[in-house]
């Protein structure tokens, strides 16, 4: 290899390194970069992370909502609210809550002459005492074609796969898993000449 070829190889290698570093820097803007360590070494830190992310009441800042024409100072307060990690399909919700008194200053906007600019007030704010991971979807979210499955927190079709298979055999129709319904591929149109839209045939009929 002559000197010119050697220099060219070095130049290409440096370009490749610079390109990889640029890609890594772009990725770090979109993703959290991690460093791999031994699990035994990181067991204490992992336990700390888990304990600080479980579903329970945490101090959270919430916005106060005054009546029109008023403003609260401060406009946000720190209060305990349910938050934290739950398994897929579950959400962290309060099972025990209460109203607490929060003292604020109240400013009347567009105040009438002679009335005080600043007043004091007490606002009732909801605080969460106990939390639990519960289903995000409840029985109220199911329609009359579905049964609620407590174990999977889901609305299951009453007729199982049979109705779905029957629907997929029909031309111009698609099965909707979320609603357990067989729907037309074409949107409903405004029929004329005394006709009406037939959902079963997906067309205007007499």
N, C-alpha and C. Protein backbone atom coordinates (compact mmCIF):
# COMPACT_ATOMS: atom_id res chain seq x y z
N UNK A 1 0.86 -1.19 0.00
CA UNK A 1 0.00 0.00 0.00
C UNK A 1 0.89 1.24 0.00
N UNK A 2 0.68 2.16 -0.99
CA UNK A 2 1.48 3.38 -1.03
C UNK A 2 0.93 4.41 -0.05
N UNK A 3 1.64 5.51 0.07
CA UNK A 3 1.28 6.53 1.07
C UNK A 3 -0.08 7.17 0.77
N UNK A 4 -0.38 7.40 -0.52
CA UNK A 4 -1.65 8.02 -0.90
C UNK A 4 -2.82 7.13 -0.52
N UNK A 5 -2.68 5.82 -0.77
CA UNK A 5 -3.76 4.89 -0.41
C UNK A 5 -3.95 4.83 1.10
N UNK A 6 -2.82 4.88 1.84
CA UNK A 6 -2.88 4.84 3.31
C UNK A 6 -3.63 6.07 3.84
N UNK A 7 -3.33 7.24 3.29
CA UNK A 7 -4.00 8.48 3.71
C UNK A 7 -5.49 8.41 3.39
N UNK A 8 -5.81 7.86 2.20
CA UNK A 8 -7.21 7.73 1.81
C UNK A 8 -7.97 6.82 2.77
N UNK A 9 -7.36 5.71 3.19
CA UNK A 9 -7.99 4.79 4.13
C UNK A 9 -8.24 5.47 5.48
N UNK A 10 -7.25 6.22 5.95
CA UNK A 10 -7.40 6.94 7.22
C UNK A 10 -8.55 7.95 7.12
N UNK A 11 -8.63 8.65 5.98
CA UNK A 11 -9.68 9.65 5.78
C UNK A 11 -11.06 9.02 5.79
N UNK A 12 -11.21 7.87 5.10
CA UNK A 12 -12.49 7.17 5.05
C UNK A 12 -12.88 6.68 6.44
N UNK A 13 -11.90 6.17 7.21
CA UNK A 13 -12.18 5.69 8.56
C UNK A 13 -12.65 6.82 9.47
N UNK A 14 -12.00 7.98 9.35
CA UNK A 14 -12.40 9.13 10.16
C UNK A 14 -13.81 9.60 9.80
N UNK A 15 -14.14 9.54 8.51
CA UNK A 15 -15.49 9.91 8.09
C UNK A 15 -16.53 8.96 8.66
N UNK A 16 -16.20 7.66 8.69
CA UNK A 16 -17.13 6.66 9.23
C UNK A 16 -17.35 6.89 10.72
N UNK A 17 -16.27 7.18 11.45
CA UNK A 17 -16.38 7.44 12.90
C UNK A 17 -17.22 8.68 13.15
N UNK A 18 -16.97 9.74 12.37
CA UNK A 18 -17.73 10.98 12.55
C UNK A 18 -19.21 10.75 12.25
N UNK A 19 -19.50 9.95 11.20
CA UNK A 19 -20.88 9.67 10.86
C UNK A 19 -21.58 8.89 11.97
N UNK A 20 -20.88 7.88 12.54
CA UNK A 20 -21.48 7.09 13.62
C UNK A 20 -21.73 7.94 14.85
N UNK A 21 -20.81 8.86 15.15
CA UNK A 21 -21.00 9.75 16.30
C UNK A 21 -22.18 10.69 16.07
N UNK A 22 -22.35 11.14 14.82
CA UNK A 22 -23.47 12.03 14.51
C UNK A 22 -24.79 11.29 14.66
N UNK A 23 -24.83 10.02 14.21
CA UNK A 23 -26.04 9.21 14.35
C UNK A 23 -26.34 8.98 15.81
N UNK A 24 -25.30 8.68 16.62
CA UNK A 24 -25.50 8.45 18.04
C UNK A 24 -26.02 9.70 18.73
N UNK A 25 -25.47 10.88 18.34
CA UNK A 25 -25.93 12.12 18.97
C UNK A 25 -27.38 12.40 18.61
N UNK A 26 -27.78 12.07 17.36
CA UNK A 26 -29.17 12.27 16.97
C UNK A 26 -30.09 11.32 17.73
N UNK A 27 -29.63 10.10 17.93
CA UNK A 27 -30.44 9.13 18.66
C UNK A 27 -30.61 9.54 20.11
N UNK A 28 -29.55 10.09 20.69
CA UNK A 28 -29.64 10.46 22.10
C UNK A 28 -30.65 11.57 22.33
N UNK A 29 -30.98 12.30 21.25
CA UNK A 29 -31.99 13.35 21.39
C UNK A 29 -33.39 12.75 21.45
N UNK A 30 -33.55 11.53 20.89
CA UNK A 30 -34.86 10.90 20.83
C UNK A 30 -35.03 9.77 21.83
N UNK A 31 -33.94 9.17 22.26
CA UNK A 31 -33.99 8.01 23.14
C UNK A 31 -33.08 8.22 24.35
N UNK A 32 -33.45 7.55 25.44
CA UNK A 32 -32.60 7.58 26.63
C UNK A 32 -31.51 6.53 26.48
N UNK A 33 -30.27 6.96 26.41
CA UNK A 33 -29.14 6.05 26.27
C UNK A 33 -28.90 5.34 27.60
N UNK A 34 -28.64 4.04 27.55
CA UNK A 34 -28.38 3.27 28.77
C UNK A 34 -27.00 2.65 28.73
N UNK A 35 -26.44 2.44 29.89
CA UNK A 35 -25.18 1.73 30.05
C UNK A 35 -25.47 0.40 30.72
N UNK A 36 -25.04 -0.69 30.12
CA UNK A 36 -25.30 -2.01 30.67
C UNK A 36 -24.35 -2.31 31.83
N UNK A 37 -24.92 -2.81 32.92
CA UNK A 37 -24.12 -3.18 34.10
C UNK A 37 -24.57 -4.54 34.58
N UNK A 38 -23.80 -5.12 35.49
CA UNK A 38 -24.15 -6.40 36.09
C UNK A 38 -25.39 -6.24 36.97
N UNK A 39 -26.38 -7.17 36.85
CA UNK A 39 -27.62 -7.04 37.59
C UNK A 39 -27.40 -7.08 39.10
N UNK A 40 -26.43 -7.88 39.54
CA UNK A 40 -26.15 -7.93 40.97
C UNK A 40 -25.62 -6.58 41.45
N UNK A 41 -24.82 -5.95 40.61
CA UNK A 41 -24.27 -4.65 40.96
C UNK A 41 -25.36 -3.59 41.04
N UNK A 42 -26.37 -3.71 40.17
CA UNK A 42 -27.41 -2.69 40.13
C UNK A 42 -28.67 -3.04 40.87
N UNK A 43 -28.67 -4.12 41.67
CA UNK A 43 -29.89 -4.57 42.34
C UNK A 43 -30.43 -3.52 43.31
N UNK A 44 -29.55 -2.87 44.06
CA UNK A 44 -30.01 -1.86 45.02
C UNK A 44 -30.63 -0.67 44.31
N UNK A 45 -29.96 -0.23 43.23
CA UNK A 45 -30.51 0.90 42.48
C UNK A 45 -31.82 0.55 41.81
N UNK A 46 -31.95 -0.70 41.31
CA UNK A 46 -33.19 -1.13 40.67
C UNK A 46 -34.33 -1.17 41.68
N UNK A 47 -34.04 -1.66 42.89
CA UNK A 47 -35.06 -1.69 43.94
C UNK A 47 -35.53 -0.29 44.27
N UNK A 48 -34.60 0.65 44.33
CA UNK A 48 -34.94 2.04 44.62
C UNK A 48 -35.83 2.62 43.51
N UNK A 49 -35.50 2.31 42.23
CA UNK A 49 -36.29 2.80 41.11
C UNK A 49 -37.71 2.25 41.16
N UNK A 50 -37.83 0.95 41.45
CA UNK A 50 -39.15 0.31 41.50
C UNK A 50 -39.98 0.91 42.63
N UNK A 51 -39.38 1.09 43.80
CA UNK A 51 -40.11 1.63 44.93
C UNK A 51 -40.58 3.05 44.66
N UNK A 52 -39.84 3.79 43.85
CA UNK A 52 -40.20 5.18 43.56
C UNK A 52 -41.13 5.31 42.34
N UNK A 53 -41.53 4.17 41.77
CA UNK A 53 -42.40 4.25 40.59
C UNK A 53 -43.70 3.45 40.77
N UNK A 54 -43.88 2.79 41.92
CA UNK A 54 -45.10 2.00 42.12
C UNK A 54 -46.31 2.92 42.29
N UNK A 55 -47.47 2.36 42.07
CA UNK A 55 -48.72 3.11 42.17
C UNK A 55 -48.99 3.49 43.62
N UNK A 56 -48.97 4.78 43.93
CA UNK A 56 -49.24 5.29 45.27
C UNK A 56 -49.42 6.80 45.19
N UNK A 57 -49.83 7.46 46.29
CA UNK A 57 -49.96 8.92 46.26
C UNK A 57 -48.59 9.61 46.21
N UNK A 58 -48.43 10.54 45.30
CA UNK A 58 -47.22 11.35 45.18
C UNK A 58 -47.61 12.82 45.27
N UNK A 59 -46.67 13.64 45.69
CA UNK A 59 -46.88 15.08 45.67
C UNK A 59 -46.90 15.56 44.22
N UNK A 60 -47.99 16.16 43.81
CA UNK A 60 -48.12 16.66 42.44
C UNK A 60 -48.64 18.09 42.46
N UNK A 61 -48.21 18.87 41.50
CA UNK A 61 -48.72 20.24 41.37
C UNK A 61 -49.96 20.22 40.48
N UNK A 62 -51.06 20.74 41.01
CA UNK A 62 -52.32 20.79 40.26
C UNK A 62 -52.76 22.25 40.13
N UNK A 63 -53.45 22.54 39.04
CA UNK A 63 -53.93 23.90 38.78
C UNK A 63 -55.24 24.14 39.54
N UNK A 64 -55.34 25.28 40.16
CA UNK A 64 -56.59 25.70 40.79
C UNK A 64 -57.47 26.40 39.75
N UNK A 65 -58.76 26.18 39.83
CA UNK A 65 -59.67 26.74 38.84
C UNK A 65 -60.67 27.68 39.51
N UNK A 66 -60.35 28.96 39.54
CA UNK A 66 -61.26 29.93 40.16
C UNK A 66 -62.47 30.21 39.29
N UNK A 67 -63.48 30.82 39.89
CA UNK A 67 -64.65 31.25 39.13
C UNK A 67 -64.25 32.36 38.17
N UNK A 68 -65.01 32.55 37.08
CA UNK A 68 -64.70 33.64 36.15
C UNK A 68 -64.68 34.98 36.87
N UNK A 69 -63.67 35.77 36.56
CA UNK A 69 -63.54 37.09 37.18
C UNK A 69 -62.61 37.10 38.39
N UNK A 70 -62.06 35.92 38.76
CA UNK A 70 -61.17 35.84 39.91
C UNK A 70 -59.88 35.11 39.52
N UNK A 71 -58.85 35.33 40.31
CA UNK A 71 -57.59 34.63 40.13
C UNK A 71 -57.03 34.26 41.49
N UNK A 72 -56.53 33.01 41.60
CA UNK A 72 -55.94 32.54 42.86
C UNK A 72 -54.43 32.73 42.82
N UNK A 73 -53.89 33.09 43.97
CA UNK A 73 -52.44 33.19 44.14
C UNK A 73 -52.03 32.37 45.36
N UNK A 74 -51.25 31.29 45.17
CA UNK A 74 -50.66 30.83 43.91
C UNK A 74 -51.69 30.12 43.03
N UNK A 75 -51.46 30.07 41.71
CA UNK A 75 -52.42 29.42 40.82
C UNK A 75 -52.32 27.89 40.84
N UNK A 76 -51.22 27.35 41.36
CA UNK A 76 -51.05 25.90 41.48
C UNK A 76 -50.65 25.56 42.90
N UNK A 77 -51.02 24.35 43.34
CA UNK A 77 -50.67 23.90 44.69
C UNK A 77 -50.15 22.47 44.63
N UNK A 78 -49.35 22.11 45.62
CA UNK A 78 -48.84 20.76 45.73
C UNK A 78 -49.80 19.92 46.56
N UNK A 79 -50.25 18.82 45.99
CA UNK A 79 -51.23 17.97 46.65
C UNK A 79 -50.94 16.52 46.30
N UNK A 80 -51.36 15.59 47.15
CA UNK A 80 -51.09 14.17 46.88
C UNK A 80 -52.11 13.62 45.89
N UNK A 81 -51.61 13.05 44.81
CA UNK A 81 -52.44 12.46 43.78
C UNK A 81 -51.87 11.09 43.38
N UNK A 82 -52.74 10.19 42.99
CA UNK A 82 -52.32 8.85 42.58
C UNK A 82 -51.55 8.91 41.26
N UNK A 83 -50.44 8.20 41.24
CA UNK A 83 -49.62 8.13 40.05
C UNK A 83 -48.70 6.92 40.20
N UNK A 84 -48.08 6.50 39.11
CA UNK A 84 -47.13 5.41 39.19
C UNK A 84 -47.40 4.31 38.18
N UNK A 85 -46.52 3.32 38.20
CA UNK A 85 -46.54 2.25 37.20
C UNK A 85 -47.54 1.16 37.55
N UNK A 86 -48.26 0.70 36.54
CA UNK A 86 -49.15 -0.46 36.65
C UNK A 86 -48.90 -1.36 35.45
N UNK A 87 -49.34 -2.61 35.53
CA UNK A 87 -49.22 -3.52 34.41
C UNK A 87 -50.08 -3.05 33.24
N UNK A 88 -49.80 -3.59 32.06
CA UNK A 88 -50.53 -3.20 30.86
C UNK A 88 -52.03 -3.43 31.04
N UNK A 89 -52.82 -2.45 30.63
CA UNK A 89 -54.27 -2.54 30.76
C UNK A 89 -54.80 -2.02 32.07
N UNK A 90 -53.90 -1.68 33.01
CA UNK A 90 -54.31 -1.17 34.31
C UNK A 90 -53.87 0.28 34.46
N UNK A 91 -54.56 1.02 35.30
CA UNK A 91 -54.18 2.39 35.58
C UNK A 91 -54.23 2.64 37.08
N UNK A 92 -53.42 3.57 37.53
CA UNK A 92 -53.32 3.89 38.95
C UNK A 92 -54.44 4.86 39.31
N UNK A 93 -55.39 4.41 40.12
CA UNK A 93 -56.56 5.22 40.44
C UNK A 93 -56.74 5.30 41.96
N UNK A 94 -57.39 6.35 42.46
CA UNK A 94 -57.62 6.46 43.91
C UNK A 94 -58.74 5.55 44.38
N UNK A 95 -58.54 4.92 45.53
CA UNK A 95 -59.59 4.12 46.18
C UNK A 95 -60.03 4.78 47.48
N UNK A 96 -59.28 5.79 47.91
CA UNK A 96 -59.64 6.57 49.09
C UNK A 96 -59.17 8.00 48.86
N UNK A 97 -60.10 8.96 48.98
CA UNK A 97 -59.75 10.36 48.76
C UNK A 97 -60.55 11.26 49.68
N UNK A 98 -60.11 12.49 49.82
CA UNK A 98 -60.76 13.45 50.71
C UNK A 98 -60.55 14.86 50.17
N UNK A 99 -61.30 15.81 50.73
CA UNK A 99 -61.14 17.21 50.37
C UNK A 99 -60.33 17.92 51.45
N UNK A 100 -59.31 18.64 51.05
CA UNK A 100 -58.47 19.37 52.00
C UNK A 100 -58.61 20.86 51.73
N UNK A 101 -58.42 21.66 52.77
CA UNK A 101 -58.50 23.12 52.65
C UNK A 101 -57.16 23.68 52.21
N UNK A 102 -57.18 24.48 51.17
CA UNK A 102 -55.99 25.16 50.68
C UNK A 102 -56.23 26.65 50.77
N UNK A 103 -55.38 27.36 51.51
CA UNK A 103 -55.52 28.80 51.70
C UNK A 103 -54.80 29.54 50.57
N UNK A 104 -55.51 30.48 49.97
CA UNK A 104 -54.95 31.25 48.85
C UNK A 104 -55.34 32.71 48.97
N UNK A 105 -54.67 33.53 48.21
CA UNK A 105 -55.10 34.91 48.01
C UNK A 105 -56.01 34.95 46.79
N UNK A 106 -57.02 35.77 46.85
CA UNK A 106 -57.99 35.87 45.76
C UNK A 106 -57.94 37.29 45.19
N UNK A 107 -57.68 37.36 43.88
CA UNK A 107 -57.66 38.67 43.22
C UNK A 107 -58.90 38.79 42.35
N UNK A 108 -59.64 39.86 42.57
CA UNK A 108 -60.82 40.11 41.75
C UNK A 108 -60.38 40.86 40.49
N UNK A 109 -60.68 40.32 39.33
CA UNK A 109 -60.33 40.96 38.08
C UNK A 109 -61.40 41.99 37.71
N UNK A 110 -60.97 43.09 37.12
CA UNK A 110 -61.90 44.18 36.76
C UNK A 110 -62.73 44.61 37.97
N UNK A 111 -62.01 44.82 39.09
CA UNK A 111 -62.72 45.12 40.33
C UNK A 111 -63.44 46.46 40.26
N UNK A 112 -64.57 46.55 40.96
CA UNK A 112 -65.35 47.78 41.04
C UNK A 112 -64.67 48.71 42.04
N UNK A 113 -64.76 50.01 41.79
CA UNK A 113 -64.11 50.98 42.66
C UNK A 113 -64.64 50.85 44.09
N UNK A 114 -63.75 50.85 45.05
CA UNK A 114 -64.12 50.77 46.46
C UNK A 114 -64.02 49.37 47.03
N UNK A 115 -63.96 48.34 46.19
CA UNK A 115 -63.80 46.98 46.68
C UNK A 115 -62.32 46.65 46.82
N UNK A 116 -61.98 45.76 47.75
CA UNK A 116 -60.57 45.43 47.96
C UNK A 116 -59.96 44.74 46.74
N UNK A 117 -58.69 45.03 46.49
CA UNK A 117 -57.99 44.41 45.35
C UNK A 117 -57.68 42.96 45.67
N UNK A 118 -57.19 42.71 46.88
CA UNK A 118 -56.81 41.36 47.28
C UNK A 118 -57.66 40.90 48.46
N UNK A 119 -58.07 39.63 48.41
CA UNK A 119 -58.80 39.01 49.50
C UNK A 119 -58.14 37.67 49.81
N UNK A 120 -58.59 37.03 50.87
CA UNK A 120 -58.11 35.69 51.21
C UNK A 120 -59.26 34.70 51.07
N UNK A 121 -58.92 33.47 50.76
CA UNK A 121 -59.96 32.47 50.59
C UNK A 121 -59.44 31.07 50.88
N UNK A 122 -60.38 30.15 51.00
CA UNK A 122 -60.07 28.73 51.21
C UNK A 122 -60.70 27.94 50.07
N UNK A 123 -59.89 27.10 49.44
CA UNK A 123 -60.35 26.29 48.32
C UNK A 123 -60.32 24.82 48.72
N UNK A 124 -61.39 24.10 48.41
CA UNK A 124 -61.44 22.67 48.66
C UNK A 124 -60.78 21.94 47.48
N UNK A 125 -59.74 21.17 47.77
CA UNK A 125 -59.01 20.45 46.73
C UNK A 125 -58.99 18.96 47.05
N UNK A 126 -59.23 18.15 46.05
CA UNK A 126 -59.25 16.69 46.25
C UNK A 126 -57.85 16.14 46.44
N UNK A 127 -57.66 15.37 47.49
CA UNK A 127 -56.38 14.71 47.77
C UNK A 127 -56.60 13.21 47.85
N UNK A 128 -55.66 12.43 47.32
CA UNK A 128 -55.78 10.97 47.30
C UNK A 128 -55.00 10.37 48.47
N UNK A 129 -55.66 9.49 49.22
CA UNK A 129 -55.02 8.84 50.36
C UNK A 129 -54.46 7.46 50.01
N UNK A 130 -55.23 6.67 49.25
CA UNK A 130 -54.81 5.33 48.87
C UNK A 130 -55.06 5.12 47.38
N UNK A 131 -54.19 4.32 46.77
CA UNK A 131 -54.29 4.08 45.33
C UNK A 131 -54.23 2.57 45.05
N UNK A 132 -54.69 2.22 43.87
CA UNK A 132 -54.66 0.83 43.45
C UNK A 132 -54.63 0.77 41.93
N UNK A 133 -53.96 -0.26 41.42
CA UNK A 133 -53.95 -0.50 39.98
C UNK A 133 -55.25 -1.20 39.61
N UNK A 134 -56.07 -0.55 38.82
CA UNK A 134 -57.35 -1.10 38.42
C UNK A 134 -57.50 -1.01 36.90
N UNK A 135 -58.48 -1.72 36.38
CA UNK A 135 -58.70 -1.76 34.94
C UNK A 135 -59.01 -0.36 34.41
N UNK A 136 -58.36 -0.02 33.29
CA UNK A 136 -58.69 1.24 32.63
C UNK A 136 -60.09 1.16 32.02
N UNK A 137 -60.42 0.01 31.45
CA UNK A 137 -61.73 -0.20 30.85
C UNK A 137 -62.64 -0.89 31.86
N UNK A 138 -63.86 -0.42 32.01
CA UNK A 138 -64.82 -1.01 32.93
C UNK A 138 -66.01 -1.56 32.15
N UNK A 139 -66.93 -2.20 32.87
CA UNK A 139 -68.11 -2.79 32.24
C UNK A 139 -68.96 -1.72 31.54
N UNK A 140 -68.88 -0.48 32.00
CA UNK A 140 -69.65 0.60 31.39
C UNK A 140 -69.16 0.92 29.98
N UNK A 141 -67.93 0.51 29.67
CA UNK A 141 -67.37 0.79 28.35
C UNK A 141 -67.79 -0.25 27.31
N UNK A 142 -68.43 -1.32 27.74
CA UNK A 142 -68.85 -2.38 26.82
C UNK A 142 -70.23 -2.06 26.25
N UNK A 143 -70.48 -2.48 25.00
CA UNK A 143 -71.79 -2.31 24.40
C UNK A 143 -72.62 -3.58 24.53
N UNK A 144 -73.81 -3.59 23.96
CA UNK A 144 -74.71 -4.73 24.15
C UNK A 144 -74.27 -5.98 23.39
N UNK A 145 -73.23 -5.87 22.55
CA UNK A 145 -72.70 -7.03 21.85
C UNK A 145 -71.48 -7.62 22.55
N UNK A 146 -71.16 -7.08 23.72
CA UNK A 146 -69.94 -7.48 24.42
C UNK A 146 -70.22 -7.89 25.86
N UNK A 147 -69.33 -8.74 26.38
CA UNK A 147 -69.32 -9.12 27.79
C UNK A 147 -68.02 -8.62 28.40
N UNK A 148 -68.10 -8.15 29.65
CA UNK A 148 -66.90 -7.63 30.31
C UNK A 148 -66.09 -8.77 30.92
N UNK A 149 -64.79 -8.79 30.61
CA UNK A 149 -63.87 -9.79 31.13
C UNK A 149 -63.01 -9.14 32.23
N UNK A 150 -63.29 -9.51 33.48
CA UNK A 150 -62.58 -8.89 34.61
C UNK A 150 -61.11 -9.25 34.60
N UNK A 151 -60.78 -10.48 34.23
CA UNK A 151 -59.39 -10.94 34.26
C UNK A 151 -58.50 -10.18 33.29
N UNK A 152 -59.03 -9.88 32.11
CA UNK A 152 -58.22 -9.20 31.09
C UNK A 152 -58.58 -7.73 30.93
N UNK A 153 -59.53 -7.24 31.74
CA UNK A 153 -59.96 -5.83 31.67
C UNK A 153 -60.41 -5.46 30.26
N UNK A 154 -61.12 -6.35 29.61
CA UNK A 154 -61.49 -6.12 28.22
C UNK A 154 -62.97 -6.40 27.98
N UNK A 155 -63.46 -5.88 26.87
CA UNK A 155 -64.83 -6.15 26.43
C UNK A 155 -64.75 -7.19 25.32
N UNK A 156 -65.19 -8.40 25.61
CA UNK A 156 -65.11 -9.51 24.65
C UNK A 156 -66.42 -9.67 23.90
N UNK A 157 -66.32 -10.02 22.63
CA UNK A 157 -67.51 -10.23 21.82
C UNK A 157 -68.28 -11.45 22.33
N UNK A 158 -69.60 -11.30 22.43
CA UNK A 158 -70.43 -12.37 22.97
C UNK A 158 -70.41 -13.61 22.08
N UNK A 159 -70.38 -13.42 20.77
CA UNK A 159 -70.45 -14.56 19.85
C UNK A 159 -69.07 -15.07 19.43
N UNK A 160 -68.03 -14.60 20.11
CA UNK A 160 -66.69 -15.09 19.82
C UNK A 160 -66.25 -14.80 18.40
N UNK A 161 -65.62 -15.78 17.76
CA UNK A 161 -65.07 -15.59 16.41
C UNK A 161 -66.07 -15.91 15.31
N UNK A 162 -67.20 -16.54 15.64
CA UNK A 162 -68.14 -16.96 14.62
C UNK A 162 -68.68 -15.77 13.82
N UNK A 163 -69.12 -14.74 14.54
CA UNK A 163 -69.67 -13.56 13.86
C UNK A 163 -68.60 -12.85 13.04
N UNK A 164 -67.37 -12.86 13.54
CA UNK A 164 -66.26 -12.25 12.80
C UNK A 164 -66.01 -13.00 11.50
N UNK A 165 -66.01 -14.31 11.56
CA UNK A 165 -65.79 -15.12 10.36
C UNK A 165 -66.90 -14.91 9.35
N UNK A 166 -68.15 -14.82 9.83
CA UNK A 166 -69.28 -14.57 8.93
C UNK A 166 -69.15 -13.21 8.25
N UNK A 167 -68.68 -12.23 9.00
CA UNK A 167 -68.53 -10.88 8.45
C UNK A 167 -67.45 -10.85 7.37
N UNK A 168 -66.34 -11.54 7.62
CA UNK A 168 -65.22 -11.50 6.67
C UNK A 168 -65.55 -12.22 5.37
N UNK A 169 -66.58 -13.03 5.36
CA UNK A 169 -66.99 -13.70 4.12
C UNK A 169 -67.82 -12.78 3.22
N UNK A 170 -68.32 -11.69 3.79
CA UNK A 170 -69.18 -10.78 3.03
C UNK A 170 -68.35 -9.73 2.29
N UNK A 171 -68.69 -9.53 1.05
CA UNK A 171 -67.99 -8.53 0.24
C UNK A 171 -68.33 -7.12 0.73
N UNK A 172 -67.32 -6.27 0.78
CA UNK A 172 -67.53 -4.86 1.12
C UNK A 172 -67.74 -4.60 2.59
N UNK A 173 -67.41 -5.58 3.45
CA UNK A 173 -67.59 -5.39 4.87
C UNK A 173 -66.30 -5.72 5.64
N UNK A 174 -66.15 -5.06 6.78
CA UNK A 174 -64.97 -5.25 7.62
C UNK A 174 -65.40 -5.41 9.07
N UNK A 175 -64.73 -6.32 9.78
CA UNK A 175 -65.05 -6.57 11.18
C UNK A 175 -64.33 -5.58 12.08
N UNK A 176 -65.05 -4.97 13.01
CA UNK A 176 -64.49 -4.03 13.98
C UNK A 176 -64.34 -4.74 15.32
N UNK A 177 -63.10 -5.06 15.70
CA UNK A 177 -62.86 -5.80 16.95
C UNK A 177 -63.24 -4.98 18.18
N UNK A 178 -63.03 -3.66 18.11
CA UNK A 178 -63.32 -2.81 19.28
C UNK A 178 -64.81 -2.73 19.57
N UNK A 179 -65.62 -2.73 18.53
CA UNK A 179 -67.06 -2.60 18.71
C UNK A 179 -67.82 -3.90 18.53
N UNK A 180 -67.10 -4.96 18.08
CA UNK A 180 -67.74 -6.26 17.79
C UNK A 180 -68.88 -6.08 16.79
N UNK A 181 -68.60 -5.35 15.73
CA UNK A 181 -69.63 -5.06 14.73
C UNK A 181 -69.07 -5.27 13.34
N UNK A 182 -69.98 -5.59 12.43
CA UNK A 182 -69.63 -5.79 11.02
C UNK A 182 -70.03 -4.53 10.27
N UNK A 183 -69.06 -3.79 9.79
CA UNK A 183 -69.32 -2.47 9.20
C UNK A 183 -69.04 -2.46 7.71
N UNK A 184 -69.73 -1.55 7.02
CA UNK A 184 -69.51 -1.36 5.59
C UNK A 184 -68.18 -0.66 5.35
N UNK A 185 -67.50 -1.07 4.29
CA UNK A 185 -66.26 -0.39 3.91
C UNK A 185 -66.56 1.01 3.38
N UNK A 186 -67.68 1.15 2.71
CA UNK A 186 -68.08 2.44 2.16
C UNK A 186 -68.84 3.25 3.21
N UNK A 187 -68.64 4.55 3.21
CA UNK A 187 -69.35 5.42 4.12
C UNK A 187 -70.82 5.54 3.70
N UNK A 188 -71.68 5.73 4.69
CA UNK A 188 -73.10 5.88 4.41
C UNK A 188 -73.34 7.14 3.57
N UNK A 189 -74.16 6.99 2.53
CA UNK A 189 -74.45 8.11 1.64
C UNK A 189 -75.90 8.54 1.80
N UNK A 190 -76.20 9.75 1.35
CA UNK A 190 -77.55 10.28 1.40
C UNK A 190 -78.33 9.74 0.20
N UNK A 191 -79.31 8.90 0.47
CA UNK A 191 -80.07 8.26 -0.60
C UNK A 191 -81.15 9.20 -1.14
N UNK A 192 -81.51 9.02 -2.41
CA UNK A 192 -82.54 9.85 -3.06
C UNK A 192 -83.65 8.96 -3.64
N UNK A 193 -84.66 9.61 -4.22
CA UNK A 193 -85.78 8.90 -4.89
C UNK A 193 -86.46 7.90 -3.96
N UNK A 194 -86.65 8.29 -2.68
CA UNK A 194 -87.37 7.45 -1.76
C UNK A 194 -86.60 6.24 -1.25
N UNK A 195 -85.32 6.17 -1.55
CA UNK A 195 -84.50 5.06 -1.09
C UNK A 195 -83.93 5.35 0.30
N UNK A 196 -83.42 4.31 0.97
CA UNK A 196 -82.78 4.46 2.27
C UNK A 196 -81.52 3.59 2.31
N UNK A 197 -80.62 3.96 3.20
CA UNK A 197 -79.34 3.24 3.31
C UNK A 197 -79.53 1.97 4.13
N UNK A 198 -79.18 0.83 3.52
CA UNK A 198 -79.29 -0.48 4.17
C UNK A 198 -77.90 -0.90 4.66
N UNK A 199 -77.75 -0.94 5.98
CA UNK A 199 -76.46 -1.27 6.58
C UNK A 199 -76.04 -2.70 6.27
N UNK A 200 -76.99 -3.59 6.08
CA UNK A 200 -76.67 -4.99 5.80
C UNK A 200 -76.13 -5.16 4.38
N UNK A 201 -76.70 -4.39 3.43
CA UNK A 201 -76.25 -4.50 2.04
C UNK A 201 -75.24 -3.43 1.66
N UNK A 202 -75.06 -2.44 2.55
CA UNK A 202 -74.12 -1.35 2.29
C UNK A 202 -74.44 -0.58 1.01
N UNK A 203 -75.72 -0.32 0.80
CA UNK A 203 -76.12 0.43 -0.38
C UNK A 203 -77.54 0.97 -0.18
N UNK A 204 -77.94 1.87 -1.07
CA UNK A 204 -79.29 2.42 -1.01
C UNK A 204 -80.26 1.43 -1.65
N UNK A 205 -81.35 1.21 -0.96
CA UNK A 205 -82.37 0.27 -1.46
C UNK A 205 -83.73 0.93 -1.38
N UNK A 206 -84.70 0.33 -2.08
CA UNK A 206 -86.06 0.81 -2.11
C UNK A 206 -86.79 0.43 -0.83
